[in-house]
Amino acid sequence: MKAAGYLVRVDNLGRIVIPVRIRRALDLHNDSCLELFTEEDRIIMRRYQAVCAFCGSEESLTEYKEKHICAHCLEAINKSRV
């Protein structure tokens, strides 16, 4: 893990500010989504990437009832319904 050398404080609403240099380096914008994870005493943030709910693929996704399904799995589901 690369140390960035920034110290940020949590405000009274539980928010932190990601420094502009880090946002620019990671191409984060106002509408960017991040995922948060904990690992022991660490908080890990990464850019959210939608994946298929069944196989984990990131390609050819369709959203259905707030879930993502890839074209391959959607085709398999449609074939099994016949």
PDB file of N, CA and C in Angstrom:
ATOM      1  N   MET A   1       0.848  -1.161   0.000  1.00  0.00           N
ATOM      2  CA  MET A   1       0.000   0.000   0.000  1.00  0.00           C
ATOM      3  C   MET A   1       0.899   1.232   0.000  1.00  0.00           C
ATOM      4  N   LYS A   2       0.565   2.192  -0.824  1.00  0.00           N
ATOM      5  CA  LYS A   2       1.358   3.400  -0.961  1.00  0.00           C
ATOM      6  C   LYS A   2       0.873   4.461   0.025  1.00  0.00           C
ATOM      7  N   ALA A   3       1.753   4.993   0.830  1.00  0.00           N
ATOM      8  CA  ALA A   3       1.396   6.043   1.785  1.00  0.00           C
ATOM      9  C   ALA A   3       1.256   7.366   1.058  1.00  0.00           C
ATOM     10  N   ALA A   4       0.128   8.049   1.287  1.00  0.00           N
ATOM     11  CA  ALA A   4      -0.133   9.313   0.609  1.00  0.00           C
ATOM     12  C   ALA A   4       0.313  10.509   1.449  1.00  0.00           C
ATOM     13  N   GLY A   5       0.456  10.336   2.744  1.00  0.00           N
ATOM     14  CA  GLY A   5       0.914  11.422   3.594  1.00  0.00           C
ATOM     15  C   GLY A   5      -0.157  12.435   3.948  1.00  0.00           C
ATOM     16  N   TYR A   6      -1.423  12.036   3.925  1.00  0.00           N
ATOM     17  CA  TYR A   6      -2.521  12.943   4.264  1.00  0.00           C
ATOM     18  C   TYR A   6      -3.135  12.522   5.587  1.00  0.00           C
ATOM     19  N   LEU A   7      -3.510  13.510   6.385  1.00  0.00           N
ATOM     20  CA  LEU A   7      -4.239  13.275   7.621  1.00  0.00           C
ATOM     21  C   LEU A   7      -5.581  13.972   7.473  1.00  0.00           C
ATOM     22  N   VAL A   8      -6.668  13.220   7.604  1.00  0.00           N
ATOM     23  CA  VAL A   8      -8.007  13.816   7.493  1.00  0.00           C
ATOM     24  C   VAL A   8      -8.763  13.522   8.773  1.00  0.00           C
ATOM     25  N   ARG A   9      -9.704  14.378   9.085  1.00  0.00           N
ATOM     26  CA  ARG A   9     -10.519  14.208  10.288  1.00  0.00           C
ATOM     27  C   ARG A   9     -11.944  13.825   9.910  1.00  0.00           C
ATOM     28  N   VAL A  10     -12.565  13.042  10.779  1.00  0.00           N
ATOM     29  CA  VAL A  10     -13.970  12.702  10.624  1.00  0.00           C
ATOM     30  C   VAL A  10     -14.780  13.829  11.243  1.00  0.00           C
ATOM     31  N   ASP A  11     -15.759  14.382  10.480  1.00  0.00           N
ATOM     32  CA  ASP A  11     -16.548  15.486  11.043  1.00  0.00           C
ATOM     33  C   ASP A  11     -17.681  14.939  11.909  1.00  0.00           C
ATOM     34  N   ASN A  12     -18.502  15.844  12.463  1.00  0.00           N
ATOM     35  CA  ASN A  12     -19.545  15.420  13.402  1.00  0.00           C
ATOM     36  C   ASN A  12     -20.664  14.609  12.739  1.00  0.00           C
ATOM     37  N   LEU A  13     -20.702  14.558  11.408  1.00  0.00           N
ATOM     38  CA  LEU A  13     -21.661  13.724  10.691  1.00  0.00           C
ATOM     39  C   LEU A  13     -21.024  12.428  10.173  1.00  0.00           C
ATOM     40  N   GLY A  14     -19.768  12.187  10.548  1.00  0.00           N
ATOM     41  CA  GLY A  14     -19.087  10.966  10.161  1.00  0.00           C
ATOM     42  C   GLY A  14     -18.449  11.016   8.782  1.00  0.00           C
ATOM     43  N   ARG A  15     -18.310  12.199   8.210  1.00  0.00           N
ATOM     44  CA  ARG A  15     -17.760  12.340   6.859  1.00  0.00           C
ATOM     45  C   ARG A  15     -16.275  12.641   6.893  1.00  0.00           C
ATOM     46  N   ILE A  16     -15.608  12.253   5.810  1.00  0.00           N
ATOM     47  CA  ILE A  16     -14.223  12.647   5.596  1.00  0.00           C
ATOM     48  C   ILE A  16     -14.131  13.273   4.212  1.00  0.00           C
ATOM     49  N   VAL A  17     -13.102  14.046   3.999  1.00  0.00           N
ATOM     50  CA  VAL A  17     -12.847  14.633   2.690  1.00  0.00           C
ATOM     51  C   VAL A  17     -11.656  13.904   2.082  1.00  0.00           C
ATOM     52  N   ILE A  18     -11.834  13.410   0.858  1.00  0.00           N
ATOM     53  CA  ILE A  18     -10.727  12.791   0.135  1.00  0.00           C
ATOM     54  C   ILE A  18      -9.973  13.926  -0.554  1.00  0.00           C
ATOM     55  N   PRO A  19      -8.711  14.103  -0.248  1.00  0.00           N
ATOM     56  CA  PRO A  19      -7.955  15.224  -0.820  1.00  0.00           C
ATOM     57  C   PRO A  19      -7.998  15.237  -2.349  1.00  0.00           C
ATOM     58  N   VAL A  20      -8.027  16.443  -2.902  1.00  0.00           N
ATOM     59  CA  VAL A  20      -8.188  16.625  -4.339  1.00  0.00           C
ATOM     60  C   VAL A  20      -7.095  15.909  -5.140  1.00  0.00           C
ATOM     61  N   ARG A  21      -5.878  15.869  -4.645  1.00  0.00           N
ATOM     62  CA  ARG A  21      -4.809  15.163  -5.374  1.00  0.00           C
ATOM     63  C   ARG A  21      -5.114  13.676  -5.524  1.00  0.00           C
ATOM     64  N   ILE A  22      -5.675  13.076  -4.488  1.00  0.00           N
ATOM     65  CA  ILE A  22      -6.045  11.660  -4.558  1.00  0.00           C
ATOM     66  C   ILE A  22      -7.231  11.482  -5.498  1.00  0.00           C
ATOM     67  N   ARG A  23      -8.244  12.371  -5.404  1.00  0.00           N
ATOM     68  CA  ARG A  23      -9.405  12.274  -6.295  1.00  0.00           C
ATOM     69  C   ARG A  23      -8.986  12.402  -7.748  1.00  0.00           C
ATOM     70  N   ARG A  24      -8.092  13.315  -8.029  1.00  0.00           N
ATOM     71  CA  ARG A  24      -7.616  13.490  -9.409  1.00  0.00           C
ATOM     72  C   ARG A  24      -6.814  12.275  -9.876  1.00  0.00           C
ATOM     73  N   ALA A  25      -5.952  11.766  -9.013  1.00  0.00           N
ATOM     74  CA  ALA A  25      -5.121  10.619  -9.383  1.00  0.00           C
ATOM     75  C   ALA A  25      -5.970   9.384  -9.678  1.00  0.00           C
ATOM     76  N   LEU A  26      -7.094   9.239  -8.973  1.00  0.00           N
ATOM     77  CA  LEU A  26      -7.974   8.088  -9.159  1.00  0.00           C
ATOM     78  C   LEU A  26      -9.163   8.392 -10.068  1.00  0.00           C
ATOM     79  N   ASP A  27      -9.198   9.603 -10.643  1.00  0.00           N
ATOM     80  CA  ASP A  27     -10.268  10.035 -11.537  1.00  0.00           C
ATOM     81  C   ASP A  27     -11.645   9.906 -10.886  1.00  0.00           C
ATOM     82  N   LEU A  28     -11.747  10.377  -9.633  1.00  0.00           N
ATOM     83  CA  LEU A  28     -13.012  10.373  -8.909  1.00  0.00           C
ATOM     84  C   LEU A  28     -13.714  11.707  -9.117  1.00  0.00           C
ATOM     85  N   HIS A  29     -15.012  11.641  -9.392  1.00  0.00           N
ATOM     86  CA  HIS A  29     -15.815  12.844  -9.607  1.00  0.00           C
ATOM     87  C   HIS A  29     -16.938  12.885  -8.580  1.00  0.00           C
ATOM     88  N   ASN A  30     -17.733  13.955  -8.590  1.00  0.00           N
ATOM     89  CA  ASN A  30     -18.813  14.109  -7.612  1.00  0.00           C
ATOM     90  C   ASN A  30     -19.810  12.956  -7.638  1.00  0.00           C
ATOM     91  N   ASP A  31     -20.013  12.318  -8.787  1.00  0.00           N
ATOM     92  CA  ASP A  31     -20.991  11.238  -8.878  1.00  0.00           C
ATOM     93  C   ASP A  31     -20.363   9.851  -8.800  1.00  0.00           C
ATOM     94  N   SER A  32     -19.085   9.764  -8.500  1.00  0.00           N
ATOM     95  CA  SER A  32     -18.409   8.465  -8.412  1.00  0.00           C
ATOM     96  C   SER A  32     -18.919   7.684  -7.203  1.00  0.00           C
ATOM     97  N   CYS A  33     -19.051   6.370  -7.376  1.00  0.00           N
ATOM     98  CA  CYS A  33     -19.463   5.493  -6.272  1.00  0.00           C
ATOM     99  C   CYS A  33     -18.246   4.722  -5.771  1.00  0.00           C
ATOM    100  N   LEU A  34     -18.150   4.603  -4.465  1.00  0.00           N
ATOM    101  CA  LEU A  34     -17.068   3.862  -3.826  1.00  0.00           C
ATOM    102  C   LEU A  34     -17.650   2.761  -2.970  1.00  0.00           C
ATOM    103  N   GLU A  35     -16.928   1.653  -2.855  1.00  0.00           N
ATOM    104  CA  GLU A  35     -17.284   0.580  -1.935  1.00  0.00           C
ATOM    105  C   GLU A  35     -16.354   0.691  -0.728  1.00  0.00           C
ATOM    106  N   LEU A  36     -16.887   0.419   0.449  1.00  0.00           N
ATOM    107  CA  LEU A  36     -16.098   0.453   1.676  1.00  0.00           C
ATOM    108  C   LEU A  36     -16.062  -0.936   2.294  1.00  0.00           C
ATOM    109  N   PHE A  37     -14.885  -1.336   2.739  1.00  0.00           N
ATOM    110  CA  PHE A  37     -14.681  -2.619   3.397  1.00  0.00           C
ATOM    111  C   PHE A  37     -13.836  -2.379   4.647  1.00  0.00           C
ATOM    112  N   THR A  38     -13.928  -3.285   5.583  1.00  0.00           N
ATOM    113  CA  THR A  38     -13.028  -3.235   6.731  1.00  0.00           C
ATOM    114  C   THR A  38     -12.174  -4.486   6.720  1.00  0.00           C
ATOM    115  N   GLU A  39     -10.939  -4.317   7.152  1.00  0.00           N
ATOM    116  CA  GLU A  39      -9.993  -5.430   7.260  1.00  0.00           C
ATOM    117  C   GLU A  39      -9.168  -5.160   8.501  1.00  0.00           C
ATOM    118  N   GLU A  40      -9.453  -5.930   9.543  1.00  0.00           N
ATOM    119  CA  GLU A  40      -8.839  -5.703  10.849  1.00  0.00           C
ATOM    120  C   GLU A  40      -9.075  -4.250  11.261  1.00  0.00           C
ATOM    121  N   ASP A  41      -8.019  -3.444  11.386  1.00  0.00           N
ATOM    122  CA  ASP A  41      -8.183  -2.059  11.825  1.00  0.00           C
ATOM    123  C   ASP A  41      -8.115  -1.071  10.655  1.00  0.00           C
ATOM    124  N   ARG A  42      -8.396  -1.538   9.435  1.00  0.00           N
ATOM    125  CA  ARG A  42      -8.297  -0.693   8.245  1.00  0.00           C
ATOM    126  C   ARG A  42      -9.658  -0.515   7.581  1.00  0.00           C
ATOM    127  N   ILE A  43      -9.842   0.626   6.971  1.00  0.00           N
ATOM    128  CA  ILE A  43     -10.981   0.879   6.091  1.00  0.00           C
ATOM    129  C   ILE A  43     -10.422   0.914   4.678  1.00  0.00           C
ATOM    130  N   ILE A  44     -10.995   0.115   3.807  1.00  0.00           N
ATOM    131  CA  ILE A  44     -10.539   0.045   2.427  1.00  0.00           C
ATOM    132  C   ILE A  44     -11.637   0.602   1.544  1.00  0.00           C
ATOM    133  N   MET A  45     -11.264   1.539   0.687  1.00  0.00           N
ATOM    134  CA  MET A  45     -12.193   2.118  -0.269  1.00  0.00           C
ATOM    135  C   MET A  45     -11.723   1.776  -1.665  1.00  0.00           C
ATOM    136  N   ARG A  46     -12.676   1.457  -2.534  1.00  0.00           N
ATOM    137  CA  ARG A  46     -12.328   1.262  -3.937  1.00  0.00           C
ATOM    138  C   ARG A  46     -13.506   1.708  -4.786  1.00  0.00           C
ATOM    139  N   ARG A  47     -13.201   2.036  -6.022  1.00  0.00           N
ATOM    140  CA  ARG A  47     -14.239   2.464  -6.950  1.00  0.00           C
ATOM    141  C   ARG A  47     -15.222   1.307  -7.142  1.00  0.00           C
ATOM    142  N   TYR A  48     -16.513   1.606  -7.089  1.00  0.00           N
ATOM    143  CA  TYR A  48     -17.542   0.585  -7.281  1.00  0.00           C
ATOM    144  C   TYR A  48     -17.566   0.156  -8.738  1.00  0.00           C
ATOM    145  N   GLN A  49     -17.569  -1.140  -8.959  1.00  0.00           N
ATOM    146  CA  GLN A  49     -17.668  -1.707 -10.300  1.00  0.00           C
ATOM    147  C   GLN A  49     -18.801  -2.728 -10.279  1.00  0.00           C
ATOM    148  N   ALA A  50     -19.839  -2.480 -11.062  1.00  0.00           N
ATOM    149  CA  ALA A  50     -20.962  -3.404 -11.123  1.00  0.00           C
ATOM    150  C   ALA A  50     -20.502  -4.730 -11.729  1.00  0.00           C
ATOM    151  N   VAL A  51     -20.974  -5.841 -11.164  1.00  0.00           N
ATOM    152  CA  VAL A  51     -20.656  -7.176 -11.671  1.00  0.00           C
ATOM    153  C   VAL A  51     -21.933  -8.010 -11.690  1.00  0.00           C
ATOM    154  N   CYS A  52     -21.919  -9.061 -12.492  1.00  0.00           N
ATOM    155  CA  CYS A  52     -23.052  -9.974 -12.594  1.00  0.00           C
ATOM    156  C   CYS A  52     -23.285 -10.656 -11.242  1.00  0.00           C
ATOM    157  N   ALA A  53     -24.541 -10.692 -10.830  1.00  0.00           N
ATOM    158  CA  ALA A  53     -24.905 -11.309  -9.548  1.00  0.00           C
ATOM    159  C   ALA A  53     -24.656 -12.810  -9.534  1.00  0.00           C
ATOM    160  N   PHE A  54     -24.549 -13.428 -10.710  1.00  0.00           N
ATOM    161  CA  PHE A  54     -24.385 -14.881 -10.786  1.00  0.00           C
ATOM    162  C   PHE A  54     -22.939 -15.320 -11.006  1.00  0.00           C
ATOM    163  N   CYS A  55     -22.253 -14.674 -11.966  1.00  0.00           N
ATOM    164  CA  CYS A  55     -20.909 -15.173 -12.319  1.00  0.00           C
ATOM    165  C   CYS A  55     -19.788 -14.176 -12.025  1.00  0.00           C
ATOM    166  N   GLY A  56     -20.126 -12.931 -11.702  1.00  0.00           N
ATOM    167  CA  GLY A  56     -19.104 -11.943 -11.381  1.00  0.00           C
ATOM    168  C   GLY A  56     -18.516 -11.220 -12.578  1.00  0.00           C
ATOM    169  N   SER A  57     -19.031 -11.475 -13.782  1.00  0.00           N
ATOM    170  CA  SER A  57     -18.531 -10.807 -14.984  1.00  0.00           C
ATOM    171  C   SER A  57     -18.834  -9.308 -14.934  1.00  0.00           C
ATOM    172  N   GLU A  58     -17.964  -8.521 -15.558  1.00  0.00           N
ATOM    173  CA  GLU A  58     -18.157  -7.070 -15.618  1.00  0.00           C
ATOM    174  C   GLU A  58     -18.631  -6.626 -16.999  1.00  0.00           C
ATOM    175  N   GLU A  59     -18.849  -7.577 -17.914  1.00  0.00           N
ATOM    176  CA  GLU A  59     -19.173  -7.233 -19.302  1.00  0.00           C
ATOM    177  C   GLU A  59     -20.632  -7.475 -19.637  1.00  0.00           C
ATOM    178  N   SER A  60     -21.179  -6.642 -20.512  1.00  0.00           N
ATOM    179  CA  SER A  60     -22.535  -6.776 -21.066  1.00  0.00           C
ATOM    180  C   SER A  60     -23.588  -6.921 -19.971  1.00  0.00           C
ATOM    181  N   LEU A  61     -23.621  -5.972 -19.034  1.00  0.00           N
ATOM    182  CA  LEU A  61     -24.534  -6.059 -17.900  1.00  0.00           C
ATOM    183  C   LEU A  61     -25.883  -5.405 -18.194  1.00  0.00           C
ATOM    184  N   THR A  62     -26.931  -6.034 -17.666  1.00  0.00           N
ATOM    185  CA  THR A  62     -28.285  -5.499 -17.693  1.00  0.00           C
ATOM    186  C   THR A  62     -28.734  -5.418 -16.247  1.00  0.00           C
ATOM    187  N   GLU A  63     -29.426  -4.343 -15.887  1.00  0.00           N
ATOM    188  CA  GLU A  63     -29.911  -4.208 -14.513  1.00  0.00           C
ATOM    189  C   GLU A  63     -31.362  -4.668 -14.436  1.00  0.00           C
ATOM    190  N   TYR A  64     -31.646  -5.489 -13.441  1.00  0.00           N
ATOM    191  CA  TYR A  64     -33.004  -5.982 -13.206  1.00  0.00           C
ATOM    192  C   TYR A  64     -33.238  -6.030 -11.699  1.00  0.00           C
ATOM    193  N   LYS A  65     -34.236  -5.302 -11.243  1.00  0.00           N
ATOM    194  CA  LYS A  65     -34.573  -5.229  -9.812  1.00  0.00           C
ATOM    195  C   LYS A  65     -33.335  -4.968  -8.952  1.00  0.00           C
ATOM    196  N   GLU A  66     -32.568  -3.958  -9.336  1.00  0.00           N
ATOM    197  CA  GLU A  66     -31.374  -3.495  -8.624  1.00  0.00           C
ATOM    198  C   GLU A  66     -30.248  -4.525  -8.583  1.00  0.00           C
ATOM    199  N   LYS A  67     -30.286  -5.513  -9.457  1.00  0.00           N
ATOM    200  CA  LYS A  67     -29.209  -6.494  -9.598  1.00  0.00           C
ATOM    201  C   LYS A  67     -28.687  -6.408 -11.018  1.00  0.00           C
ATOM    202  N   HIS A  68     -27.427  -6.763 -11.206  1.00  0.00           N
ATOM    203  CA  HIS A  68     -26.830  -6.779 -12.532  1.00  0.00           C
ATOM    204  C   HIS A  68     -26.690  -8.222 -13.007  1.00  0.00           C
ATOM    205  N   ILE A  69     -27.054  -8.445 -14.282  1.00  0.00           N
ATOM    206  CA  ILE A  69     -26.965  -9.774 -14.883  1.00  0.00           C
ATOM    207  C   ILE A  69     -26.273  -9.625 -16.230  1.00  0.00           C
ATOM    208  N   CYS A  70     -25.254 -10.449 -16.476  1.00  0.00           N
ATOM    209  CA  CYS A  70     -24.543 -10.375 -17.757  1.00  0.00           C
ATOM    210  C   CYS A  70     -25.368 -11.072 -18.842  1.00  0.00           C
ATOM    211  N   ALA A  71     -25.031 -10.806 -20.098  1.00  0.00           N
ATOM    212  CA  ALA A  71     -25.766 -11.361 -21.232  1.00  0.00           C
ATOM    213  C   ALA A  71     -25.728 -12.893 -21.222  1.00  0.00           C
ATOM    214  N   HIS A  72     -24.591 -13.474 -20.860  1.00  0.00           N
ATOM    215  CA  HIS A  72     -24.449 -14.931 -20.843  1.00  0.00           C
ATOM    216  C   HIS A  72     -25.397 -15.557 -19.820  1.00  0.00           C
ATOM    217  N   CYS A  73     -25.426 -15.034 -18.607  1.00  0.00           N
ATOM    218  CA  CYS A  73     -26.307 -15.576 -17.564  1.00  0.00           C
ATOM    219  C   CYS A  73     -27.771 -15.322 -17.898  1.00  0.00           C
ATOM    220  N   LEU A  74     -28.069 -14.172 -18.473  1.00  0.00           N
ATOM    221  CA  LEU A  74     -29.442 -13.866 -18.868  1.00  0.00           C
ATOM    222  C   LEU A  74     -29.923 -14.866 -19.921  1.00  0.00           C
ATOM    223  N   GLU A  75     -29.060 -15.180 -20.864  1.00  0.00           N
ATOM    224  CA  GLU A  75     -29.393 -16.174 -21.892  1.00  0.00           C
ATOM    225  C   GLU A  75     -29.626 -17.547 -21.253  1.00  0.00           C
ATOM    226  N   ALA A  76     -28.782 -17.925 -20.315  1.00  0.00           N
ATOM    227  CA  ALA A  76     -28.938 -19.218 -19.630  1.00  0.00           C
ATOM    228  C   ALA A  76     -30.249 -19.267 -18.841  1.00  0.00           C
ATOM    229  N   ILE A  77     -30.611 -18.178 -18.202  1.00  0.00           N
ATOM    230  CA  ILE A  77     -31.867 -18.114 -17.449  1.00  0.00           C
ATOM    231  C   ILE A  77     -33.045 -18.260 -18.398  1.00  0.00           C
ATOM    232  N   ASN A  78     -32.998 -17.546 -19.519  1.00  0.00           N
ATOM    233  CA  ASN A  78     -34.094 -17.621 -20.493  1.00  0.00           C
ATOM    234  C   ASN A  78     -34.225 -19.027 -21.075  1.00  0.00           C
ATOM    235  N   LYS A  79     -33.104 -19.723 -21.326  1.00  0.00           N
ATOM    236  CA  LYS A  79     -33.155 -21.086 -21.854  1.00  0.00           C
ATOM    237  C   LYS A  79     -33.751 -22.050 -20.833  1.00  0.00           C
ATOM    238  N   SER A  80     -33.463 -21.843 -19.551  1.00  0.00           N
ATOM    239  CA  SER A  80     -33.946 -22.754 -18.516  1.00  0.00           C
ATOM    240  C   SER A  80     -35.445 -22.565 -18.263  1.00  0.00           C
ATOM    241  N   ARG A  81     -35.995 -21.442 -18.675  1.00  0.00           N
ATOM    242  CA  ARG A  81     -37.415 -21.161 -18.463  1.00  0.00           C
ATOM    243  C   ARG A  81     -38.280 -21.823 -19.518  1.00  0.00           C
ATOM    244  N   VAL A  82     -37.684 -22.299 -20.600  1.00  0.00           N
ATOM    245  CA  VAL A  82     -38.448 -22.899 -21.710  1.00  0.00           C
ATOM    246  C   VAL A  82     -38.757 -24.330 -21.441  1.00  0.00           C
TER     247      VAL A  82
END
